[in-house]
Amino acid sequence: MVTTEQQTGSFSDLGLQPDVVRAAEEVGYEEPTPVQRQAIPLLLEGRDVLVQSQTGTGKTAAFALPMIQRVDPEERAVQGLVLAPTRELAVQVAETVHKLGKYRHISDLPIYGGQPYDRQLRALKRGVQIVVGTPGRVMDHIRRGTLNLDAVRMVVLDEADQMLDMGFIEDIEFILDETPKDRQIALFSATIPPRIRGLAKRYLHDPATISITSERLTVPEVKQEYVETGRDGKLEALTRILDMELPESAIIFVRTKREADELGETLVGRGYGAEVIHGDLGQAQRERAIAGFRDGRADILVATEVASRGLDIPDVSHVLNYDIPLDPEAYVHRIGRTARAGKSGTAITFVTPREWGLLKTIERLTRVKLERIPIPTNADIRERRVQVLRDALCHTLENEELERYASMLDGLTDQYGAGAVAAAAVKLLLDEEADLPEDDVEPEPEPGAERLFIRAGRKQGVSARDLVGAIANGAGIPGKDIGPVDIYDNFSFVGVPRRDAGRVIDALTRSGIRGRSVPVKVAVPEEKRPQRTGRR
């Protein structure tokens, strides 16, 4: 039996072809997990495997990468079959296969109950190489004659114990009996009860057995939060949170090396002290980046997964998952960089509408409910700056010698009063760094604005703040350039720069408002607008 052991290396060391490795790295896989390191070479050899592994250990890539490499892209027949207990898991696995197989031009198809047959029939008729499905719907297609498994080379039973608990044993046996006798089988299960062993004994040929012990999926000392944002608004949301949180030291995790470089350059360009670390950097470059972060020359480290393990980075106050991790174990490793040695820490995860399922998986398997926080407004950030200055003033008054500085104010206090002089000093300090508009909710539009009609209003719970936030975050438009905003019972109007109108319509149509898609179009002239029912 192969057991868990800590190893390092890359996916190219496992026998995967460059185009498969490239896709894996772009998705965010930088270093193989134990189950990937042990299962992939065996599956590439054509061995049957019996793997005991919890969800969140990277098992999907452990079977998807070898399956993608073994499929012949030129043959328009089903060569890989993955059976999953639920349609949610089937969709998730299919999405992963699609991303990992893009450079080999592999076509895949999820088939599950609840989805119309005609859509699945059209795709099967065109020809797909990998099918990911629930046992019941796969069996239905076999019986209808719309799914032929004669060319199948590899079958994966994912979450096998859960499928047996749901009563799928007869369906699974029926499906396996329809596959060629020389096909390869990979059975993945969180537990290996007698029923699983019996299934393996009947259908697997001389299987290699792998057992992965999952780490404790919890970090109770960390305050765990998340923020909802569209993809186009993530950078603006990140900078607002940095300005609001004012972290002493923060690691920002992204999925790919290119994203790390780009985000690091962008943050430096905006005045943040940031270093970057990822697997393509040489040892000397990595050491310089870590040294700059450790000694305080940079308070932000932009990193790929490589920084979540094995690096000596103490005293991290914040971890920000700019890209939500693909599995819960990676999430735990990331946020474990903070709250060390008995200290507290904060982890904030950015979630787009398409990533909601990943968040729910993390919450379910870590048994932690992440707290939703809003994207800070400019008013919030101004108030935070005032509070920070108040705290600094209190600390200075209580702990510092001030006589030398007090003498500088002789005459001013007599003329204006001590309170007025102090207020003027505070104003100078705040105005020196004031780069936020006074009103970020309903500023006046600039010349050349376009008026947009949005099919959502008061009765749908929409506020001016919701509209401005959705546009600023989704389309990357500063709040000061948006407005005025008129809210009615069932629709709203908002002004945006004419040059950005198309981008705003695309962003709101794609990401919606408060997570719900809404119709948006350019408004008709004033005289043709519906009668107003009030403004807020």
Protein backbone atom coordinates (compact mmCIF):
# COMPACT_ATOMS: atom_id res chain seq x y z
CA MET A 1 0.00 0.00 0.00
CA VAL A 2 1.19 3.50 -0.84
CA THR A 3 0.77 5.94 2.04
CA THR A 4 0.96 9.71 2.37
CA GLU A 5 4.40 11.26 2.38
CA GLN A 6 5.53 14.84 2.01
CA GLN A 7 7.22 15.44 -1.35
CA THR A 8 7.87 18.34 -3.61
CA GLY A 9 8.33 18.65 -7.34
CA SER A 10 6.35 19.63 -10.39
CA PHE A 11 3.71 18.05 -12.59
CA SER A 12 6.23 17.60 -15.40
CA ASP A 13 8.13 15.18 -13.12
CA LEU A 14 5.12 12.85 -13.10
CA GLY A 15 5.21 11.98 -16.80
CA LEU A 16 2.60 14.47 -17.98
CA GLN A 17 3.01 16.06 -21.39
CA PRO A 18 3.85 19.80 -21.69
CA ASP A 19 0.41 20.83 -22.97
CA VAL A 20 -1.26 19.08 -20.03
CA VAL A 21 1.19 20.63 -17.55
CA ARG A 22 0.63 24.06 -19.11
CA ALA A 23 -3.13 23.82 -18.62
CA ALA A 24 -2.68 22.63 -15.03
CA GLU A 25 -0.42 25.56 -14.20
CA GLU A 26 -2.82 28.05 -15.76
CA VAL A 27 -5.68 26.67 -13.68
CA GLY A 28 -3.55 27.22 -10.58
CA TYR A 29 -1.95 23.85 -9.84
CA GLU A 30 1.68 24.61 -9.12
CA GLU A 31 2.88 21.70 -7.02
CA PRO A 32 1.35 18.19 -6.91
CA THR A 33 -0.53 17.16 -3.78
CA PRO A 34 0.28 13.74 -2.28
CA VAL A 35 -2.62 12.01 -4.01
CA GLN A 36 -1.66 13.56 -7.37
CA ARG A 37 2.00 12.63 -6.97
CA GLN A 38 1.17 9.03 -6.18
CA ALA A 39 -1.82 8.36 -8.46
CA ILE A 40 -0.84 10.12 -11.69
CA PRO A 41 2.22 7.98 -12.61
CA LEU A 42 0.27 4.78 -11.90
CA LEU A 43 -2.69 5.89 -14.01
CA LEU A 44 -0.40 6.93 -16.85
CA GLU A 45 1.05 3.41 -16.79
CA GLY A 46 -2.46 2.02 -17.23
CA ARG A 47 -2.69 0.50 -13.73
CA ASP A 48 -5.99 0.14 -11.91
CA VAL A 49 -5.95 2.05 -8.61
CA LEU A 50 -7.97 1.99 -5.40
CA VAL A 51 -7.54 5.36 -3.68
CA GLN A 52 -8.75 6.27 -0.19
CA SER A 53 -8.81 10.07 -0.20
CA GLN A 54 -11.04 12.75 1.25
CA THR A 55 -12.60 15.52 -0.81
CA GLY A 56 -10.24 18.47 -0.81
CA THR A 57 -6.99 16.56 -1.36
CA GLY A 58 -6.74 17.32 -5.07
CA LYS A 59 -8.15 14.00 -6.26
CA THR A 60 -10.03 15.46 -9.25
CA ALA A 61 -6.78 16.48 -10.97
CA ALA A 62 -5.24 13.18 -9.86
CA PHE A 63 -7.53 11.29 -12.25
CA ALA A 64 -8.43 14.05 -14.75
CA LEU A 65 -4.86 14.80 -15.88
CA PRO A 66 -3.96 11.18 -16.78
CA MET A 67 -7.36 10.67 -18.42
CA ILE A 68 -6.88 13.77 -20.59
CA GLN A 69 -3.40 12.62 -21.63
CA ARG A 70 -4.58 9.10 -22.52
CA VAL A 71 -7.47 10.33 -24.69
CA ASP A 72 -6.91 10.55 -28.45
CA PRO A 73 -8.20 14.01 -29.54
CA GLU A 74 -8.61 12.79 -33.11
CA GLU A 75 -11.06 10.04 -32.15
CA ARG A 76 -14.61 11.38 -31.72
CA ALA A 77 -15.73 8.63 -29.35
CA VAL A 78 -16.18 8.37 -25.58
CA GLN A 79 -12.81 7.24 -24.24
CA GLY A 80 -13.05 8.43 -20.63
CA LEU A 81 -15.97 8.00 -18.24
CA VAL A 82 -16.30 9.52 -14.77
CA LEU A 83 -19.19 8.50 -12.51
CA ALA A 84 -20.12 10.87 -9.66
CA PRO A 85 -22.89 10.60 -7.03
CA THR A 86 -24.48 14.05 -7.55
CA ARG A 87 -25.05 16.42 -10.44
CA GLU A 88 -23.23 19.19 -8.53
CA LEU A 89 -20.08 17.06 -8.37
CA ALA A 90 -20.51 15.94 -11.98
CA VAL A 91 -20.66 19.57 -13.15
CA GLN A 92 -17.67 20.53 -11.01
CA VAL A 93 -15.56 17.65 -12.35
CA ALA A 94 -16.60 18.39 -15.94
CA GLU A 95 -15.58 22.04 -15.57
CA THR A 96 -12.17 20.95 -14.27
CA VAL A 97 -11.72 18.49 -17.14
CA HIS A 98 -12.66 21.21 -19.61
CA LYS A 99 -10.04 23.61 -18.25
CA LEU A 100 -7.30 21.01 -17.98
CA GLY A 101 -7.93 19.61 -21.46
CA LYS A 102 -8.06 22.86 -23.42
CA TYR A 103 -4.62 22.56 -25.06
CA ARG A 104 -5.32 18.99 -26.17
CA HIS A 105 -8.70 20.12 -27.52
CA ILE A 106 -10.56 17.50 -25.51
CA SER A 107 -14.36 17.71 -25.56
CA ASP A 108 -16.22 16.68 -22.43
CA LEU A 109 -19.86 16.51 -21.42
CA PRO A 110 -21.63 16.39 -18.04
CA ILE A 111 -24.82 14.29 -18.12
CA TYR A 112 -27.13 14.16 -15.12
CA GLY A 113 -30.76 14.02 -14.17
CA GLY A 114 -32.74 17.24 -14.21
CA GLN A 115 -31.11 18.51 -17.40
CA PRO A 116 -33.10 18.22 -20.67
CA TYR A 117 -32.22 15.14 -22.71
CA ASP A 118 -32.10 17.03 -26.01
CA ARG A 119 -29.07 19.09 -24.99
CA GLN A 120 -27.18 15.97 -23.98
CA LEU A 121 -28.29 14.10 -27.11
CA ARG A 122 -27.01 16.85 -29.42
CA ALA A 123 -23.60 16.86 -27.72
CA LEU A 124 -23.32 13.06 -27.78
CA LYS A 125 -24.25 13.01 -31.44
CA ARG A 126 -21.49 15.53 -32.26
CA GLY A 127 -19.03 13.31 -30.41
CA VAL A 128 -17.30 13.80 -27.06
CA GLN A 129 -14.22 12.11 -25.63
CA ILE A 130 -14.94 12.33 -21.90
CA VAL A 131 -18.33 11.92 -20.20
CA VAL A 132 -18.87 12.90 -16.58
CA GLY A 133 -22.22 11.80 -15.24
CA THR A 134 -24.42 10.44 -12.51
CA PRO A 135 -25.05 6.67 -12.69
CA GLY A 136 -28.79 6.89 -13.33
CA ARG A 137 -28.60 9.23 -16.31
CA VAL A 138 -25.56 7.41 -17.79
CA MET A 139 -27.46 4.12 -17.58
CA ASP A 140 -30.50 5.74 -19.25
CA HIS A 141 -28.39 6.86 -22.20
CA ILE A 142 -26.83 3.41 -22.55
CA ARG A 143 -30.27 1.78 -22.66
CA ARG A 144 -31.52 4.36 -25.19
CA GLY A 145 -28.55 3.60 -27.41
CA THR A 146 -27.35 7.22 -27.28
CA LEU A 147 -24.18 6.48 -25.27
CA ASN A 148 -21.72 3.91 -26.58
CA LEU A 149 -18.89 2.85 -24.26
CA ASP A 150 -17.09 0.46 -26.63
CA ALA A 151 -14.10 2.82 -26.97
CA VAL A 152 -13.73 3.60 -23.26
CA ARG A 153 -10.15 3.30 -22.04
CA MET A 154 -10.50 4.63 -18.50
CA VAL A 155 -13.35 4.66 -15.96
CA VAL A 156 -13.28 6.67 -12.73
CA LEU A 157 -15.63 6.03 -9.82
CA ASP A 158 -15.52 9.29 -7.83
CA GLU A 159 -16.85 9.31 -4.25
CA ALA A 160 -17.59 5.60 -4.64
CA ASP A 161 -18.74 5.10 -1.04
CA GLN A 162 -21.29 7.90 -1.42
CA MET A 163 -22.62 6.36 -4.65
CA LEU A 164 -23.08 3.02 -2.91
CA ASP A 165 -24.79 4.71 0.06
CA MET A 166 -27.22 6.30 -2.42
CA GLY A 167 -28.17 2.89 -3.82
CA PHE A 168 -26.25 3.11 -7.12
CA ILE A 169 -24.47 -0.25 -6.83
CA GLU A 170 -26.61 -1.99 -9.47
CA ASP A 171 -26.36 0.99 -11.83
CA ILE A 172 -22.57 1.04 -11.46
CA GLU A 173 -22.30 -2.69 -12.13
CA PHE A 174 -24.53 -2.33 -15.20
CA ILE A 175 -22.36 0.49 -16.56
CA LEU A 176 -19.06 -1.28 -15.89
CA ASP A 177 -20.35 -4.39 -17.63
CA GLU A 178 -20.94 -2.24 -20.74
CA THR A 179 -17.29 -1.15 -20.90
CA PRO A 180 -14.47 -3.13 -22.57
CA LYS A 181 -12.82 -5.80 -20.45
CA ASP A 182 -9.38 -4.24 -20.86
CA ARG A 183 -10.42 -0.78 -19.68
CA GLN A 184 -8.62 0.84 -16.76
CA ILE A 185 -10.51 1.66 -13.54
CA ALA A 186 -9.67 4.21 -10.86
CA LEU A 187 -11.83 4.00 -7.75
CA PHE A 188 -11.70 6.98 -5.38
CA SER A 189 -13.46 6.77 -2.01
CA ALA A 190 -13.25 8.59 1.32
CA THR A 191 -13.70 5.25 3.12
CA ILE A 192 -13.08 1.66 2.06
CA PRO A 193 -15.89 -0.41 3.61
CA PRO A 194 -16.43 -4.09 2.66
CA ARG A 195 -18.84 -3.16 -0.16
CA ILE A 196 -16.15 -1.03 -1.82
CA ARG A 197 -13.60 -3.80 -1.45
CA GLY A 198 -16.08 -6.25 -2.98
CA LEU A 199 -16.67 -3.93 -5.95
CA ALA A 200 -12.91 -3.46 -6.39
CA LYS A 201 -12.27 -7.21 -6.20
CA ARG A 202 -14.86 -7.89 -8.91
CA TYR A 203 -13.93 -5.17 -11.41
CA LEU A 204 -10.36 -3.95 -10.71
CA HIS A 205 -7.37 -5.93 -11.97
CA ASP A 206 -4.38 -6.09 -9.61
CA PRO A 207 -5.01 -2.54 -8.33
CA ALA A 208 -2.43 -0.36 -6.65
CA THR A 209 -3.79 0.88 -3.32
CA ILE A 210 -3.19 4.47 -2.20
CA SER A 211 -4.22 5.90 1.16
CA ILE A 212 -4.14 9.65 1.76
CA THR A 213 -4.64 11.01 5.26
CA SER A 214 -6.25 14.44 5.02
CA GLU A 215 -4.99 17.17 7.32
CA ARG A 216 -7.25 18.77 9.89
CA LEU A 217 -9.42 21.14 7.84
CA THR A 218 -9.78 23.95 10.35
CA VAL A 219 -7.92 27.05 11.52
CA PRO A 220 -10.03 28.26 14.45
CA GLU A 221 -7.78 31.19 15.40
CA VAL A 222 -8.35 32.97 12.07
CA LYS A 223 -11.21 35.38 11.48
CA GLN A 224 -12.58 34.13 8.16
CA GLU A 225 -14.56 36.47 5.87
CA TYR A 226 -15.53 36.71 2.22
CA VAL A 227 -16.52 39.47 -0.17
CA GLU A 228 -18.69 39.14 -3.28
CA THR A 229 -17.44 40.86 -6.41
CA GLY A 230 -17.51 40.55 -10.18
CA ARG A 231 -14.32 39.56 -12.00
CA ASP A 232 -13.84 43.02 -13.47
CA GLY A 233 -14.24 44.67 -10.08
CA LYS A 234 -11.84 42.53 -8.08
CA LEU A 235 -8.89 44.93 -8.25
CA GLU A 236 -10.96 47.89 -7.06
CA ALA A 237 -12.44 45.76 -4.27
CA LEU A 238 -8.95 44.59 -3.25
CA THR A 239 -7.52 48.09 -3.00
CA ARG A 240 -10.52 49.31 -1.00
CA ILE A 241 -10.14 46.42 1.44
CA LEU A 242 -6.41 47.09 1.78
CA ASP A 243 -7.17 50.75 2.49
CA MET A 244 -9.83 49.75 5.00
CA GLU A 245 -7.97 46.97 6.78
CA LEU A 246 -4.52 48.64 6.68
CA PRO A 247 -2.78 45.28 7.25
CA GLU A 248 0.56 45.23 8.99
CA SER A 249 1.58 42.42 6.64
CA ALA A 250 -0.57 40.58 4.10
CA ILE A 251 -0.19 37.69 1.68
CA ILE A 252 -2.43 37.93 -1.40
CA PHE A 253 -2.90 34.54 -3.08
CA VAL A 254 -3.56 34.21 -6.81
CA ARG A 255 -3.79 31.08 -8.98
CA THR A 256 -1.17 31.63 -11.67
CA LYS A 257 2.35 32.98 -11.92
CA ARG A 258 1.35 35.51 -14.58
CA GLU A 259 -1.45 36.85 -12.36
CA ALA A 260 1.03 37.20 -9.50
CA ASP A 261 3.40 39.27 -11.63
CA GLU A 262 0.61 41.45 -13.04
CA LEU A 263 -1.08 42.08 -9.70
CA GLY A 264 2.23 42.84 -8.00
CA GLU A 265 3.15 45.41 -10.66
CA THR A 266 -0.31 46.98 -10.46
CA LEU A 267 -0.17 47.33 -6.67
CA VAL A 268 3.31 48.85 -6.77
CA GLY A 269 2.08 51.27 -9.43
CA ARG A 270 -0.73 52.32 -7.09
CA GLY A 271 1.67 53.05 -4.27
CA TYR A 272 1.52 49.84 -2.23
CA GLY A 273 4.69 48.18 -1.01
CA ALA A 274 4.47 44.73 -2.64
CA GLU A 275 6.77 41.83 -3.44
CA VAL A 276 5.96 38.82 -5.65
CA ILE A 277 6.83 35.14 -5.21
CA HIS A 278 6.06 32.13 -7.39
CA GLY A 279 7.64 28.98 -8.76
CA ASP A 280 9.33 30.56 -11.78
CA LEU A 281 11.54 32.81 -9.66
CA GLY A 282 15.10 31.75 -8.98
CA GLN A 283 16.20 31.00 -5.45
CA ALA A 284 17.98 34.35 -5.08
CA GLN A 285 14.88 36.24 -6.29
CA ARG A 286 12.64 34.35 -3.89
CA GLU A 287 14.98 35.02 -0.98
CA ARG A 288 15.05 38.76 -1.80
CA ALA A 289 11.25 38.89 -1.95
CA ILE A 290 10.87 37.05 1.35
CA ALA A 291 13.55 39.21 2.99
CA GLY A 292 11.83 42.41 1.84
CA PHE A 293 8.51 41.18 3.21
CA ARG A 294 9.99 39.93 6.47
CA ASP A 295 11.96 43.08 7.31
CA GLY A 296 9.05 45.41 6.53
CA ARG A 297 10.29 47.02 3.31
CA ALA A 298 7.14 45.54 1.73
CA ASP A 299 3.93 44.92 3.65
CA ILE A 300 2.27 42.88 0.88
CA LEU A 301 3.41 39.58 -0.65
CA VAL A 302 1.60 38.51 -3.82
CA ALA A 303 2.00 34.75 -4.11
CA THR A 304 0.89 31.58 -5.81
CA GLU A 305 0.30 28.34 -3.89
CA VAL A 306 4.05 27.96 -3.38
CA ALA A 307 3.87 30.41 -0.44
CA SER A 308 1.20 28.43 1.42
CA ARG A 309 3.65 25.69 2.46
CA GLY A 310 7.18 25.46 3.68
CA LEU A 311 8.18 29.14 3.76
CA ASP A 312 9.38 30.87 6.90
CA ILE A 313 7.09 33.93 6.87
CA PRO A 314 6.20 35.00 10.43
CA ASP A 315 3.74 37.61 11.69
CA VAL A 316 1.31 37.75 8.80
CA SER A 317 -1.74 39.75 9.90
CA HIS A 318 -3.92 39.14 6.81
CA VAL A 319 -4.35 36.52 4.11
CA LEU A 320 -6.38 37.60 1.09
CA ASN A 321 -7.54 34.93 -1.35
CA TYR A 322 -7.75 37.14 -4.45
CA ASP A 323 -8.47 33.92 -6.34
CA ILE A 324 -10.50 31.43 -4.32
CA PRO A 325 -8.56 28.13 -4.02
CA LEU A 326 -9.79 25.10 -5.91
CA ASP A 327 -9.96 22.79 -2.91
CA PRO A 328 -10.43 23.15 0.87
CA GLU A 329 -7.00 21.81 1.79
CA ALA A 330 -5.32 24.56 -0.25
CA TYR A 331 -7.61 27.07 1.51
CA VAL A 332 -6.51 25.81 4.93
CA HIS A 333 -2.84 25.92 3.97
CA ARG A 334 -3.23 29.49 2.74
CA ILE A 335 -5.04 30.95 5.74
CA GLY A 336 -2.72 29.01 8.04
CA ARG A 337 -0.02 31.54 7.16
CA THR A 338 -1.67 33.94 9.64
CA ALA A 339 -2.66 33.61 13.33
CA ARG A 340 0.57 31.85 14.26
CA ALA A 341 2.24 31.59 17.66
CA GLY A 342 -1.00 32.42 19.47
CA LYS A 343 -1.66 35.61 17.52
CA SER A 344 -4.92 36.50 15.79
CA GLY A 345 -5.31 36.89 12.05
CA THR A 346 -7.81 37.68 9.33
CA ALA A 347 -8.49 35.81 6.08
CA ILE A 348 -10.63 37.44 3.37
CA THR A 349 -11.69 35.47 0.29
CA PHE A 350 -12.92 37.10 -2.95
CA VAL A 351 -15.84 35.22 -4.51
CA THR A 352 -17.34 35.84 -7.96
CA PRO A 353 -20.84 34.60 -8.81
CA ARG A 354 -19.45 31.58 -10.70
CA GLU A 355 -17.34 30.57 -7.69
CA TRP A 356 -20.19 30.32 -5.20
CA GLY A 357 -20.03 26.51 -5.25
CA LEU A 358 -16.34 26.55 -4.30
CA LEU A 359 -17.11 28.73 -1.28
CA LYS A 360 -19.88 26.38 -0.15
CA THR A 361 -17.56 23.38 -0.51
CA ILE A 362 -14.92 25.09 1.64
CA GLU A 363 -17.52 25.95 4.29
CA ARG A 364 -18.92 22.42 4.32
CA LEU A 365 -15.61 20.62 4.63
CA THR A 366 -13.96 23.05 7.07
CA ARG A 367 -17.17 23.30 9.10
CA VAL A 368 -16.72 27.06 9.24
CA LYS A 369 -19.29 29.61 8.07
CA LEU A 370 -17.41 32.51 6.50
CA GLU A 371 -18.78 35.95 7.33
CA ARG A 372 -19.84 38.09 4.39
CA ILE A 373 -18.43 41.62 4.46
CA PRO A 374 -19.33 44.49 2.10
CA ILE A 375 -16.85 46.19 -0.19
CA PRO A 376 -15.87 49.37 1.69
CA THR A 377 -17.16 52.64 0.29
CA ASN A 378 -15.03 55.77 0.06
CA ALA A 379 -16.92 57.11 3.09
CA ASP A 380 -15.98 53.96 5.04
CA ILE A 381 -12.33 54.41 4.13
CA ARG A 382 -12.36 58.10 5.13
CA GLU A 383 -13.89 57.18 8.49
CA ARG A 384 -11.26 54.47 8.94
CA ARG A 385 -8.48 56.97 8.28
CA VAL A 386 -9.96 59.33 10.85
CA GLN A 387 -10.14 56.51 13.41
CA VAL A 388 -6.54 55.49 12.75
CA LEU A 389 -5.42 59.08 13.23
CA ARG A 390 -7.45 59.35 16.48
CA ASP A 391 -5.81 56.19 17.79
CA ALA A 392 -2.36 57.45 16.84
CA LEU A 393 -3.04 60.79 18.56
CA CYS A 394 -4.19 59.04 21.73
CA HIS A 395 -1.10 56.83 21.76
CA THR A 396 1.17 59.84 21.25
CA LEU A 397 -0.56 61.87 23.98
CA GLU A 398 -0.23 59.00 26.43
CA ASN A 399 3.27 57.79 25.61
CA GLU A 400 5.38 60.53 24.02
CA GLU A 401 7.20 63.64 25.25
CA LEU A 402 5.50 66.63 23.62
CA GLU A 403 7.06 69.68 25.28
CA ARG A 404 9.40 70.43 22.38
CA TYR A 405 6.48 70.34 19.93
CA ALA A 406 4.18 72.31 22.21
CA SER A 407 6.64 75.21 22.20
CA MET A 408 6.27 75.41 18.41
CA LEU A 409 2.61 76.35 18.90
CA ASP A 410 3.22 79.24 21.29
CA GLY A 411 1.27 82.22 20.04
CA LEU A 412 -1.01 80.13 17.83
CA THR A 413 -2.87 78.69 20.81
CA ASP A 414 -3.20 82.14 22.35
CA GLN A 415 -4.59 83.56 19.12
CA TYR A 416 -6.85 80.72 17.95
CA GLY A 417 -7.26 78.41 20.89
CA ALA A 418 -5.74 74.96 21.41
CA GLY A 419 -8.78 73.14 19.99
CA ALA A 420 -8.75 75.09 16.73
CA VAL A 421 -5.01 74.60 16.28
CA ALA A 422 -5.34 70.85 16.85
CA ALA A 423 -8.25 70.66 14.37
CA ALA A 424 -6.20 72.52 11.75
CA ALA A 425 -3.28 70.12 12.25
CA VAL A 426 -5.59 67.12 11.82
CA LYS A 427 -7.09 68.66 8.66
CA LEU A 428 -3.64 69.13 7.17
CA LEU A 429 -2.75 65.51 7.92
CA LEU A 430 -5.95 64.13 6.40
CA ASP A 431 -5.94 66.47 3.39
CA GLU A 432 -2.36 65.44 2.60
CA GLU A 433 -3.54 61.90 1.82
CA ALA A 434 -7.10 62.72 0.73
CA ASP A 435 -7.61 61.05 -2.62
CA LEU A 436 -11.27 60.06 -2.18
CA PRO A 437 -14.28 62.01 -3.45
CA GLU A 438 -16.55 63.50 -0.83
CA ASP A 439 -19.63 61.68 -2.13
CA ASP A 440 -19.27 58.22 -3.69
CA VAL A 441 -22.98 57.42 -3.93
CA GLU A 442 -24.70 60.01 -6.12
CA PRO A 443 -22.16 62.39 -7.68
CA GLU A 444 -23.19 64.59 -10.60
CA PRO A 445 -22.41 63.02 -13.99
CA GLU A 446 -19.72 64.47 -16.19
CA PRO A 447 -20.60 65.86 -19.65
CA GLY A 448 -20.99 63.04 -22.12
CA ALA A 449 -22.85 60.75 -19.71
CA GLU A 450 -25.23 58.03 -20.86
CA ARG A 451 -28.49 57.23 -19.08
CA LEU A 452 -29.11 53.51 -18.48
CA PHE A 453 -32.43 51.81 -17.73
CA ILE A 454 -32.24 48.89 -15.24
CA ARG A 455 -35.17 46.54 -14.67
CA ALA A 456 -34.84 46.45 -10.86
CA GLY A 457 -36.00 48.89 -8.19
CA ARG A 458 -37.21 49.34 -4.61
CA LYS A 459 -39.49 46.29 -4.67
CA GLN A 460 -36.48 44.14 -5.61
CA GLY A 461 -34.48 45.56 -2.68
CA VAL A 462 -32.16 47.64 -4.86
CA SER A 463 -30.58 50.80 -3.43
CA ALA A 464 -28.41 53.50 -4.96
CA ARG A 465 -25.45 52.01 -3.12
CA ASP A 466 -26.16 48.61 -4.71
CA LEU A 467 -26.18 50.13 -8.20
CA VAL A 468 -23.04 52.16 -7.73
CA GLY A 469 -21.23 49.22 -6.14
CA ALA A 470 -22.26 46.82 -8.89
CA ILE A 471 -21.13 49.21 -11.63
CA ALA A 472 -17.89 50.22 -9.90
CA ASN A 473 -16.93 46.64 -9.10
CA GLY A 474 -18.26 44.98 -12.24
CA ALA A 475 -17.10 47.50 -14.84
CA GLY A 476 -14.16 49.05 -13.00
CA ILE A 477 -15.57 52.60 -13.11
CA PRO A 478 -14.76 54.97 -10.22
CA GLY A 479 -17.74 55.80 -8.03
CA LYS A 480 -17.27 59.51 -8.68
CA ASP A 481 -18.05 58.95 -12.39
CA ILE A 482 -21.42 57.28 -11.71
CA GLY A 483 -24.70 59.15 -11.27
CA PRO A 484 -27.21 60.51 -10.75
CA VAL A 485 -29.17 57.46 -9.60
CA ASP A 486 -32.98 57.35 -9.65
CA ILE A 487 -34.71 54.42 -7.93
CA TYR A 488 -38.37 53.55 -8.67
CA ASP A 489 -40.61 50.69 -7.62
CA ASN A 490 -39.62 48.22 -10.35
CA PHE A 491 -36.88 49.94 -12.33
CA SER A 492 -34.03 52.42 -11.97
CA PHE A 493 -32.01 54.92 -13.99
CA VAL A 494 -28.29 55.59 -13.58
CA GLY A 495 -25.85 57.85 -15.38
CA VAL A 496 -22.45 56.56 -16.54
CA PRO A 497 -19.78 57.96 -18.90
CA ARG A 498 -20.95 57.38 -22.47
CA ARG A 499 -17.64 55.75 -23.42
CA ASP A 500 -18.18 53.13 -20.68
CA ALA A 501 -21.89 52.42 -21.25
CA GLY A 502 -21.32 49.22 -23.22
CA ARG A 503 -18.94 47.84 -20.59
CA VAL A 504 -21.42 48.65 -17.80
CA ILE A 505 -24.28 46.92 -19.65
CA ASP A 506 -22.09 43.82 -20.19
CA ALA A 507 -20.96 43.78 -16.54
CA LEU A 508 -24.45 44.16 -15.06
CA THR A 509 -25.93 41.62 -17.47
CA ARG A 510 -23.18 39.13 -16.62
CA SER A 511 -22.72 39.65 -12.86
CA GLY A 512 -26.00 41.34 -11.97
CA ILE A 513 -26.89 43.32 -8.87
CA ARG A 514 -26.67 41.63 -5.48
CA GLY A 515 -25.89 38.38 -7.28
CA ARG A 516 -28.99 38.48 -9.51
CA SER A 517 -28.91 39.12 -13.26
CA VAL A 518 -31.03 42.07 -14.41
CA PRO A 519 -31.95 43.47 -17.85
CA VAL A 520 -30.03 46.66 -18.67
CA LYS A 521 -30.23 48.92 -21.73
CA VAL A 522 -29.64 52.52 -22.79
CA ALA A 523 -32.62 54.61 -21.65
CA VAL A 524 -35.02 56.22 -24.11
CA PRO A 525 -35.23 60.06 -24.29
CA GLU A 526 -36.74 61.91 -21.32
CA GLU A 527 -40.13 62.51 -22.92
CA LYS A 528 -40.59 58.77 -23.54
CA ARG A 529 -39.60 57.54 -20.07
CA PRO A 530 -42.19 55.94 -17.77
CA GLN A 531 -43.88 58.21 -15.23
CA ARG A 532 -41.71 58.63 -12.15
CA THR A 533 -43.01 57.31 -8.85
CA GLY A 534 -40.48 58.88 -6.57
CA ARG A 535 -36.72 59.19 -6.06
CA ARG A 536 -34.41 57.96 -3.39
